[in-house]
Structure formats: structure tokens, C-alpha cells
N, C-alpha and C. Protein backbone atom coordinates (compact mmCIF):
# COMPACT_ATOMS: atom_id res chain seq x y z
N MET A 1 18.29 -36.87 2.65
CA MET A 1 18.07 -35.45 2.80
C MET A 1 19.38 -34.68 2.62
N ILE A 2 20.45 -35.23 3.16
CA ILE A 2 21.74 -34.56 3.04
C ILE A 2 22.13 -34.41 1.58
N GLU A 3 21.95 -35.47 0.79
CA GLU A 3 22.29 -35.41 -0.63
C GLU A 3 21.40 -34.41 -1.36
N VAL A 4 20.13 -34.36 -1.01
CA VAL A 4 19.21 -33.42 -1.66
C VAL A 4 19.60 -31.99 -1.33
N VAL A 5 19.84 -31.70 -0.08
CA VAL A 5 20.24 -30.34 0.31
C VAL A 5 21.55 -29.95 -0.38
N ALA A 6 22.49 -30.88 -0.43
CA ALA A 6 23.77 -30.59 -1.09
C ALA A 6 23.59 -30.33 -2.59
N GLY A 7 22.53 -30.88 -3.17
CA GLY A 7 22.28 -30.72 -4.60
C GLY A 7 21.47 -29.50 -4.99
N VAL A 8 21.09 -28.69 -4.03
CA VAL A 8 20.30 -27.48 -4.30
C VAL A 8 21.25 -26.31 -4.52
N ALA A 9 21.07 -25.64 -5.64
CA ALA A 9 21.85 -24.43 -5.92
C ALA A 9 21.16 -23.24 -5.27
N SER A 10 21.94 -22.28 -4.83
CA SER A 10 21.38 -21.09 -4.17
C SER A 10 20.33 -20.40 -5.02
N GLU A 11 20.52 -20.40 -6.34
CA GLU A 11 19.54 -19.74 -7.20
C GLU A 11 18.21 -20.50 -7.28
N GLN A 12 18.16 -21.72 -6.73
CA GLN A 12 16.92 -22.50 -6.71
C GLN A 12 16.08 -22.24 -5.45
N LEU A 13 16.61 -21.51 -4.50
CA LEU A 13 15.90 -21.30 -3.24
C LEU A 13 14.55 -20.62 -3.43
N ALA A 14 14.42 -19.79 -4.43
CA ALA A 14 13.15 -19.08 -4.67
C ALA A 14 12.20 -19.88 -5.56
N SER A 15 12.61 -21.05 -6.00
CA SER A 15 11.77 -21.87 -6.88
C SER A 15 10.55 -22.40 -6.15
N PRO A 16 9.44 -22.56 -6.87
CA PRO A 16 8.22 -23.10 -6.25
C PRO A 16 8.38 -24.60 -5.98
N THR A 17 7.54 -25.10 -5.09
CA THR A 17 7.50 -26.53 -4.77
C THR A 17 6.06 -27.02 -4.88
N CYS A 18 5.88 -28.31 -4.68
CA CYS A 18 4.54 -28.89 -4.66
C CYS A 18 3.71 -28.33 -3.51
N CYS A 19 4.37 -27.88 -2.47
CA CYS A 19 3.70 -27.20 -1.36
C CYS A 19 3.52 -25.74 -1.80
N THR A 20 2.38 -25.42 -2.35
CA THR A 20 2.19 -24.16 -3.07
C THR A 20 2.53 -22.90 -2.29
N ASP A 21 2.46 -22.95 -0.99
CA ASP A 21 2.78 -21.76 -0.19
C ASP A 21 4.25 -21.66 0.17
N TYR A 22 5.06 -22.63 -0.27
CA TYR A 22 6.46 -22.69 0.14
C TYR A 22 7.41 -22.78 -1.04
N THR A 23 8.48 -22.02 -0.97
CA THR A 23 9.55 -22.13 -1.95
C THR A 23 10.51 -23.23 -1.50
N VAL A 24 11.47 -23.54 -2.34
CA VAL A 24 12.50 -24.50 -1.96
C VAL A 24 13.20 -24.02 -0.68
N GLY A 25 13.55 -22.76 -0.63
CA GLY A 25 14.21 -22.21 0.55
C GLY A 25 13.35 -22.32 1.79
N ASP A 26 12.04 -22.08 1.65
CA ASP A 26 11.14 -22.20 2.80
C ASP A 26 11.13 -23.64 3.33
N LEU A 27 11.09 -24.62 2.43
CA LEU A 27 11.07 -26.01 2.86
C LEU A 27 12.40 -26.43 3.48
N ILE A 28 13.50 -25.94 2.92
CA ILE A 28 14.80 -26.25 3.52
C ILE A 28 14.88 -25.66 4.92
N ASP A 29 14.38 -24.46 5.08
CA ASP A 29 14.35 -23.84 6.41
C ASP A 29 13.48 -24.66 7.36
N HIS A 30 12.34 -25.12 6.87
CA HIS A 30 11.44 -25.95 7.68
C HIS A 30 12.14 -27.24 8.10
N VAL A 31 12.80 -27.90 7.17
CA VAL A 31 13.53 -29.13 7.48
C VAL A 31 14.60 -28.86 8.53
N ASP A 32 15.28 -27.73 8.40
CA ASP A 32 16.31 -27.38 9.37
C ASP A 32 15.70 -27.20 10.77
N LEU A 33 14.59 -26.52 10.84
CA LEU A 33 13.93 -26.31 12.14
C LEU A 33 13.43 -27.63 12.72
N VAL A 34 12.88 -28.50 11.87
CA VAL A 34 12.45 -29.82 12.32
C VAL A 34 13.64 -30.60 12.85
N ALA A 35 14.75 -30.56 12.12
CA ALA A 35 15.96 -31.28 12.55
C ALA A 35 16.42 -30.79 13.92
N GLN A 36 16.45 -29.50 14.11
CA GLN A 36 16.90 -28.95 15.39
C GLN A 36 15.95 -29.31 16.52
N GLY A 37 14.65 -29.16 16.28
CA GLY A 37 13.66 -29.46 17.31
C GLY A 37 13.62 -30.94 17.66
N ALA A 38 13.67 -31.80 16.64
CA ALA A 38 13.61 -33.24 16.89
C ALA A 38 14.90 -33.75 17.53
N THR A 39 16.01 -33.11 17.25
CA THR A 39 17.26 -33.46 17.93
C THR A 39 17.14 -33.15 19.42
N ALA A 40 16.60 -31.99 19.73
CA ALA A 40 16.40 -31.62 21.13
C ALA A 40 15.48 -32.62 21.83
N LEU A 41 14.42 -33.02 21.13
CA LEU A 41 13.49 -34.01 21.69
C LEU A 41 14.20 -35.32 21.97
N ALA A 42 14.99 -35.79 21.01
CA ALA A 42 15.69 -37.07 21.16
C ALA A 42 16.65 -37.03 22.35
N ARG A 43 17.17 -35.87 22.62
CA ARG A 43 18.12 -35.72 23.72
C ARG A 43 17.43 -35.38 25.04
N GLY A 44 16.09 -35.35 25.04
CA GLY A 44 15.34 -35.08 26.25
C GLY A 44 15.31 -33.63 26.66
N LEU A 45 15.54 -32.73 25.71
CA LEU A 45 15.59 -31.30 26.02
C LEU A 45 14.30 -30.58 25.67
N GLY A 46 13.28 -31.30 25.24
CA GLY A 46 12.06 -30.65 24.75
C GLY A 46 12.26 -30.22 23.32
N GLN A 47 11.26 -29.61 22.75
CA GLN A 47 11.38 -29.16 21.37
C GLN A 47 11.76 -27.69 21.38
N LEU A 48 12.91 -27.39 20.83
CA LEU A 48 13.38 -26.02 20.80
C LEU A 48 12.72 -25.27 19.66
N SER A 49 12.41 -24.02 19.89
CA SER A 49 11.90 -23.20 18.79
C SER A 49 13.04 -22.31 18.33
N ASN A 50 13.11 -22.13 17.04
CA ASN A 50 14.19 -21.35 16.45
C ASN A 50 13.59 -20.55 15.31
N THR A 51 13.78 -19.26 15.32
CA THR A 51 13.19 -18.44 14.28
C THR A 51 14.21 -18.02 13.23
N ASN A 52 15.43 -18.54 13.32
CA ASN A 52 16.43 -18.21 12.31
C ASN A 52 16.06 -18.79 10.96
N SER A 53 16.29 -18.05 9.91
CA SER A 53 16.09 -18.55 8.56
C SER A 53 17.46 -18.95 8.02
N SER A 54 17.88 -20.15 8.37
CA SER A 54 19.24 -20.57 8.05
C SER A 54 19.50 -20.60 6.56
N HIS A 55 18.45 -20.81 5.76
CA HIS A 55 18.69 -20.89 4.32
C HIS A 55 19.08 -19.54 3.72
N LEU A 56 18.94 -18.48 4.47
CA LEU A 56 19.33 -17.16 3.98
C LEU A 56 20.78 -16.82 4.29
N GLU A 57 21.40 -17.60 5.16
CA GLU A 57 22.79 -17.36 5.52
C GLU A 57 23.69 -17.88 4.41
N PRO A 58 24.86 -17.29 4.24
CA PRO A 58 25.76 -17.73 3.17
C PRO A 58 26.14 -19.21 3.24
N ASP A 59 26.22 -19.77 4.44
CA ASP A 59 26.62 -21.17 4.59
C ASP A 59 25.43 -22.08 4.91
N TRP A 60 24.26 -21.78 4.34
CA TRP A 60 23.04 -22.51 4.67
C TRP A 60 23.16 -24.01 4.43
N GLN A 61 23.82 -24.41 3.35
CA GLN A 61 23.91 -25.85 3.08
C GLN A 61 24.68 -26.58 4.17
N ALA A 62 25.83 -26.08 4.53
CA ALA A 62 26.63 -26.74 5.56
C ALA A 62 25.89 -26.78 6.89
N THR A 63 25.17 -25.72 7.21
CA THR A 63 24.43 -25.66 8.47
C THR A 63 23.31 -26.69 8.50
N VAL A 64 22.51 -26.74 7.43
CA VAL A 64 21.39 -27.69 7.39
C VAL A 64 21.91 -29.12 7.39
N ILE A 65 22.94 -29.39 6.61
CA ILE A 65 23.51 -30.74 6.56
C ILE A 65 24.01 -31.16 7.94
N GLN A 66 24.68 -30.25 8.64
CA GLN A 66 25.16 -30.56 9.99
C GLN A 66 23.98 -30.87 10.92
N HIS A 67 22.92 -30.09 10.83
CA HIS A 67 21.76 -30.33 11.70
C HIS A 67 21.09 -31.66 11.39
N VAL A 68 21.01 -32.04 10.12
CA VAL A 68 20.41 -33.33 9.75
C VAL A 68 21.30 -34.48 10.22
N GLN A 69 22.61 -34.33 10.09
CA GLN A 69 23.52 -35.36 10.59
C GLN A 69 23.39 -35.52 12.11
N THR A 70 23.31 -34.41 12.81
CA THR A 70 23.16 -34.44 14.27
C THR A 70 21.83 -35.10 14.64
N LEU A 71 20.79 -34.82 13.89
CA LEU A 71 19.48 -35.44 14.09
C LEU A 71 19.59 -36.96 13.99
N GLY A 72 20.25 -37.43 12.95
CA GLY A 72 20.40 -38.88 12.76
C GLY A 72 21.15 -39.52 13.92
N LYS A 73 22.19 -38.89 14.39
CA LYS A 73 22.97 -39.42 15.52
C LYS A 73 22.13 -39.43 16.79
N ALA A 74 21.35 -38.39 16.99
CA ALA A 74 20.53 -38.31 18.21
C ALA A 74 19.49 -39.43 18.24
N TRP A 75 18.82 -39.68 17.13
CA TRP A 75 17.77 -40.71 17.09
C TRP A 75 18.34 -42.11 16.93
N ASP A 76 19.63 -42.22 16.69
CA ASP A 76 20.28 -43.53 16.63
C ASP A 76 20.42 -44.13 18.03
N ASP A 77 20.33 -43.30 19.05
CA ASP A 77 20.40 -43.75 20.43
C ASP A 77 19.05 -44.37 20.81
N PRO A 78 19.01 -45.65 21.19
CA PRO A 78 17.74 -46.29 21.54
C PRO A 78 16.96 -45.56 22.63
N VAL A 79 17.64 -44.87 23.51
CA VAL A 79 16.97 -44.13 24.59
C VAL A 79 16.09 -43.02 24.03
N ALA A 80 16.45 -42.48 22.87
CA ALA A 80 15.66 -41.40 22.26
C ALA A 80 14.23 -41.83 21.97
N TRP A 81 14.03 -43.11 21.74
CA TRP A 81 12.72 -43.65 21.37
C TRP A 81 11.85 -43.99 22.57
N GLU A 82 12.37 -43.81 23.76
CA GLU A 82 11.65 -44.17 24.98
C GLU A 82 10.95 -42.96 25.59
N GLY A 83 9.89 -43.21 26.33
CA GLY A 83 9.22 -42.16 27.09
C GLY A 83 8.29 -41.31 26.25
N VAL A 84 7.97 -40.17 26.84
CA VAL A 84 7.04 -39.23 26.23
C VAL A 84 7.80 -37.95 25.91
N GLY A 85 7.56 -37.43 24.72
CA GLY A 85 8.25 -36.21 24.29
C GLY A 85 7.92 -35.03 25.19
N ASN A 86 8.91 -34.23 25.45
CA ASN A 86 8.75 -33.06 26.31
C ASN A 86 8.34 -31.86 25.45
N VAL A 87 7.11 -31.94 24.93
CA VAL A 87 6.58 -30.86 24.09
C VAL A 87 5.33 -30.31 24.78
N PRO A 88 5.33 -29.04 25.12
CA PRO A 88 4.16 -28.46 25.79
C PRO A 88 2.88 -28.69 24.99
N GLY A 89 1.84 -29.15 25.68
CA GLY A 89 0.55 -29.37 25.04
C GLY A 89 0.43 -30.67 24.29
N SER A 90 1.42 -31.55 24.40
CA SER A 90 1.39 -32.81 23.69
C SER A 90 1.75 -33.94 24.62
N ASP A 91 1.09 -35.08 24.44
CA ASP A 91 1.44 -36.25 25.23
C ASP A 91 1.87 -37.40 24.32
N LEU A 92 2.43 -37.06 23.15
CA LEU A 92 2.88 -38.08 22.22
C LEU A 92 4.15 -38.75 22.73
N SER A 93 4.25 -40.03 22.43
CA SER A 93 5.45 -40.76 22.82
C SER A 93 6.63 -40.34 21.95
N ASN A 94 7.82 -40.58 22.45
CA ASN A 94 9.01 -40.30 21.65
C ASN A 94 9.02 -41.15 20.38
N ALA A 95 8.51 -42.37 20.46
CA ALA A 95 8.45 -43.23 19.27
C ALA A 95 7.59 -42.57 18.20
N THR A 96 6.49 -41.95 18.61
CA THR A 96 5.63 -41.26 17.65
C THR A 96 6.34 -40.04 17.09
N TRP A 97 7.03 -39.28 17.94
CA TRP A 97 7.78 -38.11 17.46
C TRP A 97 8.87 -38.53 16.47
N GLY A 98 9.51 -39.67 16.74
CA GLY A 98 10.53 -40.16 15.80
C GLY A 98 9.93 -40.47 14.45
N LYS A 99 8.75 -41.07 14.44
CA LYS A 99 8.07 -41.40 13.18
C LYS A 99 7.61 -40.13 12.46
N ILE A 100 7.15 -39.16 13.21
CA ILE A 100 6.75 -37.87 12.61
C ILE A 100 7.96 -37.21 11.96
N THR A 101 9.09 -37.26 12.64
CA THR A 101 10.31 -36.66 12.11
C THR A 101 10.73 -37.35 10.82
N LEU A 102 10.70 -38.67 10.80
CA LEU A 102 11.04 -39.41 9.58
C LEU A 102 10.09 -39.03 8.45
N THR A 103 8.81 -38.93 8.75
CA THR A 103 7.83 -38.55 7.73
C THR A 103 8.13 -37.17 7.18
N GLU A 104 8.48 -36.24 8.04
CA GLU A 104 8.84 -34.88 7.59
C GLU A 104 10.01 -34.93 6.61
N LEU A 105 11.03 -35.71 6.94
CA LEU A 105 12.21 -35.79 6.08
C LEU A 105 11.90 -36.47 4.75
N VAL A 106 11.08 -37.50 4.79
CA VAL A 106 10.73 -38.21 3.55
C VAL A 106 9.87 -37.32 2.65
N VAL A 107 8.82 -36.77 3.20
CA VAL A 107 7.90 -35.95 2.39
C VAL A 107 8.59 -34.70 1.85
N HIS A 108 9.25 -33.97 2.71
CA HIS A 108 9.87 -32.73 2.25
C HIS A 108 11.16 -32.98 1.47
N GLY A 109 11.81 -34.10 1.72
CA GLY A 109 12.94 -34.48 0.87
C GLY A 109 12.48 -34.68 -0.56
N TRP A 110 11.34 -35.38 -0.72
CA TRP A 110 10.77 -35.58 -2.05
C TRP A 110 10.35 -34.24 -2.65
N ASP A 111 9.70 -33.39 -1.86
CA ASP A 111 9.27 -32.07 -2.35
C ASP A 111 10.45 -31.27 -2.89
N ILE A 112 11.52 -31.21 -2.12
CA ILE A 112 12.69 -30.42 -2.50
C ILE A 112 13.38 -31.04 -3.70
N ALA A 113 13.54 -32.36 -3.69
CA ALA A 113 14.19 -33.05 -4.81
C ALA A 113 13.40 -32.83 -6.10
N THR A 114 12.10 -32.98 -6.05
CA THR A 114 11.26 -32.79 -7.24
C THR A 114 11.37 -31.37 -7.76
N ALA A 115 11.33 -30.40 -6.87
CA ALA A 115 11.38 -28.99 -7.27
C ALA A 115 12.73 -28.60 -7.86
N THR A 116 13.77 -29.35 -7.51
CA THR A 116 15.12 -28.99 -7.98
C THR A 116 15.67 -29.98 -9.00
N GLY A 117 14.81 -30.87 -9.49
CA GLY A 117 15.22 -31.80 -10.55
C GLY A 117 16.15 -32.91 -10.09
N GLN A 118 16.06 -33.30 -8.83
CA GLN A 118 16.90 -34.37 -8.29
C GLN A 118 16.07 -35.63 -8.11
N SER A 119 16.76 -36.77 -8.09
CA SER A 119 16.06 -38.01 -7.77
C SER A 119 15.99 -38.15 -6.25
N PHE A 120 15.04 -38.92 -5.81
CA PHE A 120 14.87 -39.14 -4.37
C PHE A 120 14.41 -40.58 -4.19
N ASP A 121 15.35 -41.49 -4.30
CA ASP A 121 15.06 -42.91 -4.20
C ASP A 121 15.38 -43.39 -2.80
N LEU A 122 14.37 -43.88 -2.13
CA LEU A 122 14.55 -44.38 -0.77
C LEU A 122 14.23 -45.87 -0.73
N PRO A 123 14.80 -46.58 0.22
CA PRO A 123 14.46 -48.00 0.38
C PRO A 123 12.97 -48.18 0.70
N ASP A 124 12.41 -49.26 0.21
CA ASP A 124 11.00 -49.54 0.48
C ASP A 124 10.70 -49.56 1.98
N ARG A 125 11.64 -50.04 2.79
CA ARG A 125 11.45 -50.09 4.24
C ARG A 125 11.23 -48.68 4.80
N THR A 126 11.95 -47.71 4.26
CA THR A 126 11.81 -46.32 4.72
C THR A 126 10.46 -45.77 4.30
N LEU A 127 10.09 -46.04 3.06
CA LEU A 127 8.81 -45.52 2.55
C LEU A 127 7.64 -46.20 3.24
């Protein structure tokens, strides 16, 4: 995801994606929000809601990349995978939330890469 985000030019943010209701910028913003919320979950803080559209800020790439890196570090802690996620109205386990987060990154990573002419080759284990 970090490589894909780094490979998106600002002029591509308005480009359409396979998700017909979302532009490249919309999906990058979605990935950023997922990264922030899932990081909070991994750290036992619940899922944070954030209405900022980071892709509209001048430094959107650096911000999203930082959030994705932080997400990876948070879920690298084995404790993040234990217990039940602190999400109102949900009783999903943290292990399930971790898998949902990975799915979000894989699916939308492919969406963004395809829309911007980038490759998105992942290990079979990840897929």
C-alpha cells in the first residue's frame, strides 16, 4: 500500500476507480481512515472516527504513508490480535478486525494501483 500511495500523482486523485462511486482520492482517504481506526483498535483505544480528508492536504502522501506504517507496527504486536474489538455495536474479535483491515488494504490497494496504472503484486500467502 505504501508503494502504491507513493506512486499516485496528485493529478490522478480525481481519476475514476473500479469502485464506481469513488475516485482515487476518495479511496486513498478511505484507506487512511481505515489505517487510523484499525491502529486505534490494535492499541485497545476503540475505533476512532476521523472526518478529515487527508488526501486534500498538500502533504497527503506523507500523511497516509505514515498512518499505514503505524498501522503495520500496531498490528505487529501479538497483543493486538487478542480479545474483542472495542467498537460500539460490534462483538467481533480483534483477530477478525485484523483480517478485515488486511482485506481493506489488499482490495483497495489493487483498486488504486489499477486506476493509476501501477502493478500490485502480493505474495500468495497474503492473497
